[in-house]
Amino acid sequence: EELELQLEQLSRASIARQSIDNYGAIIVARDLSEAAEFSNKIAPEHLELAV
């Protein structure tokens, strides 16, 4: 829900939405340890943590 609200604010919302649909993921971890474990498994080049 919040993601949709944020996308609506963008001048290139359709491009951002398509990118998220094709390549995006939102992972909710129980704690920082679990988040780090997941990150280590997928080894992302670009990772943003919201803690």
N, C-alpha and C. Protein backbone atom coordinates (compact mmCIF):
# COMPACT_ATOMS: atom_id res chain seq x y z
N GLU A 1 0.83 -1.19 0.00
CA GLU A 1 0.00 0.00 0.00
C GLU A 1 0.87 1.26 0.00
N GLU A 2 1.84 1.29 0.89
CA GLU A 2 2.73 2.46 0.95
C GLU A 2 3.54 2.59 -0.33
N LEU A 3 3.95 1.48 -0.89
CA LEU A 3 4.72 1.51 -2.13
C LEU A 3 3.92 2.17 -3.24
N GLU A 4 2.65 1.84 -3.35
CA GLU A 4 1.80 2.47 -4.37
C GLU A 4 1.69 3.97 -4.15
N LEU A 5 1.55 4.40 -2.90
CA LEU A 5 1.48 5.83 -2.59
C LEU A 5 2.77 6.54 -3.00
N GLN A 6 3.90 5.90 -2.74
CA GLN A 6 5.18 6.49 -3.12
C GLN A 6 5.34 6.55 -4.64
N LEU A 7 4.94 5.50 -5.33
CA LEU A 7 5.05 5.48 -6.79
C LEU A 7 4.24 6.59 -7.43
N GLU A 8 3.07 6.88 -6.89
CA GLU A 8 2.21 7.92 -7.44
C GLU A 8 2.87 9.29 -7.41
N GLN A 9 3.85 9.49 -6.54
CA GLN A 9 4.53 10.77 -6.40
C GLN A 9 5.62 10.97 -7.46
N LEU A 10 6.00 9.92 -8.15
CA LEU A 10 7.11 9.99 -9.09
C LEU A 10 6.69 10.45 -10.47
N SER A 11 7.53 11.25 -11.10
CA SER A 11 7.24 11.68 -12.47
C SER A 11 7.36 10.52 -13.46
N ARG A 12 8.16 9.53 -13.12
CA ARG A 12 8.34 8.35 -13.97
C ARG A 12 7.76 7.12 -13.29
N ALA A 13 6.56 7.25 -12.75
CA ALA A 13 5.93 6.18 -11.98
C ALA A 13 5.79 4.89 -12.78
N SER A 14 5.43 4.99 -14.04
CA SER A 14 5.22 3.77 -14.83
C SER A 14 6.53 3.01 -15.03
N ILE A 15 7.63 3.73 -15.21
CA ILE A 15 8.93 3.09 -15.36
C ILE A 15 9.35 2.44 -14.05
N ALA A 16 9.17 3.15 -12.94
CA ALA A 16 9.53 2.60 -11.63
C ALA A 16 8.68 1.38 -11.31
N ARG A 17 7.39 1.45 -11.60
CA ARG A 17 6.49 0.32 -11.33
C ARG A 17 6.91 -0.90 -12.13
N GLN A 18 7.24 -0.70 -13.40
CA GLN A 18 7.67 -1.82 -14.25
C GLN A 18 8.96 -2.43 -13.72
N SER A 19 9.89 -1.59 -13.29
CA SER A 19 11.15 -2.09 -12.73
C SER A 19 10.91 -2.90 -11.46
N ILE A 20 10.04 -2.40 -10.59
CA ILE A 20 9.72 -3.14 -9.36
C ILE A 20 9.02 -4.45 -9.70
N ASP A 21 8.09 -4.40 -10.64
CA ASP A 21 7.38 -5.63 -11.03
C ASP A 21 8.33 -6.68 -11.58
N ASN A 22 9.32 -6.24 -12.36
CA ASN A 22 10.23 -7.18 -13.00
C ASN A 22 11.39 -7.63 -12.11
N TYR A 23 11.87 -6.73 -11.25
CA TYR A 23 13.12 -7.02 -10.54
C TYR A 23 13.06 -6.78 -9.03
N GLY A 24 11.99 -6.21 -8.53
CA GLY A 24 11.95 -5.80 -7.13
C GLY A 24 11.50 -6.89 -6.18
N ALA A 25 11.85 -6.69 -4.93
CA ALA A 25 11.41 -7.59 -3.86
C ALA A 25 11.39 -6.80 -2.56
N ILE A 26 10.44 -7.12 -1.73
CA ILE A 26 10.39 -6.56 -0.39
C ILE A 26 10.45 -7.73 0.57
N ILE A 27 11.44 -7.72 1.42
CA ILE A 27 11.64 -8.79 2.38
C ILE A 27 11.46 -8.20 3.78
N VAL A 28 10.64 -8.83 4.58
CA VAL A 28 10.44 -8.40 5.96
C VAL A 28 11.10 -9.43 6.87
N ALA A 29 12.12 -8.99 7.60
CA ALA A 29 12.86 -9.88 8.49
C ALA A 29 12.42 -9.64 9.94
N ARG A 30 12.56 -10.68 10.74
CA ARG A 30 12.20 -10.58 12.16
C ARG A 30 13.16 -9.68 12.93
N ASP A 31 14.44 -9.69 12.50
CA ASP A 31 15.45 -8.88 13.19
C ASP A 31 16.62 -8.65 12.24
N LEU A 32 17.60 -7.87 12.69
CA LEU A 32 18.75 -7.55 11.84
C LEU A 32 19.57 -8.78 11.50
N SER A 33 19.63 -9.72 12.40
CA SER A 33 20.38 -10.95 12.14
C SER A 33 19.76 -11.72 10.97
N GLU A 34 18.46 -11.84 10.97
CA GLU A 34 17.78 -12.53 9.87
C GLU A 34 17.94 -11.75 8.57
N ALA A 35 17.90 -10.43 8.64
CA ALA A 35 18.09 -9.61 7.44
C ALA A 35 19.50 -9.80 6.87
N ALA A 36 20.50 -9.83 7.75
CA ALA A 36 21.88 -10.04 7.30
C ALA A 36 22.05 -11.43 6.68
N GLU A 37 21.42 -12.42 7.28
CA GLU A 37 21.49 -13.78 6.75
C GLU A 37 20.91 -13.85 5.34
N PHE A 38 19.76 -13.23 5.15
CA PHE A 38 19.15 -13.22 3.83
C PHE A 38 20.04 -12.49 2.83
N SER A 39 20.55 -11.34 3.23
CA SER A 39 21.42 -10.56 2.35
C SER A 39 22.65 -11.36 1.94
N ASN A 40 23.24 -12.07 2.86
CA ASN A 40 24.41 -12.90 2.55
C ASN A 40 24.07 -14.02 1.57
N LYS A 41 22.86 -14.53 1.63
CA LYS A 41 22.47 -15.62 0.73
C LYS A 41 22.30 -15.15 -0.71
N ILE A 42 21.72 -13.96 -0.89
CA ILE A 42 21.47 -13.50 -2.26
C ILE A 42 22.56 -12.58 -2.78
N ALA A 43 23.42 -12.09 -1.90
CA ALA A 43 24.56 -11.23 -2.27
C ALA A 43 24.16 -10.16 -3.28
N PRO A 44 23.23 -9.28 -2.91
CA PRO A 44 22.78 -8.26 -3.86
C PRO A 44 23.84 -7.19 -4.10
N GLU A 45 23.89 -6.71 -5.32
CA GLU A 45 24.80 -5.61 -5.63
C GLU A 45 24.28 -4.31 -5.03
N HIS A 46 22.98 -4.14 -5.07
CA HIS A 46 22.35 -2.94 -4.51
C HIS A 46 21.34 -3.39 -3.47
N LEU A 47 21.55 -2.97 -2.25
CA LEU A 47 20.67 -3.37 -1.15
C LEU A 47 20.34 -2.14 -0.33
N GLU A 48 19.09 -1.95 -0.03
CA GLU A 48 18.67 -0.86 0.84
C GLU A 48 17.95 -1.45 2.03
N LEU A 49 18.42 -1.09 3.21
CA LEU A 49 17.79 -1.55 4.44
C LEU A 49 17.03 -0.39 5.06
N ALA A 50 15.82 -0.63 5.46
CA ALA A 50 15.02 0.35 6.20
C ALA A 50 14.79 -0.24 7.58
N VAL A 51 15.51 0.28 8.56
CA VAL A 51 15.41 -0.27 9.92
C VAL A 51 14.87 0.76 10.89
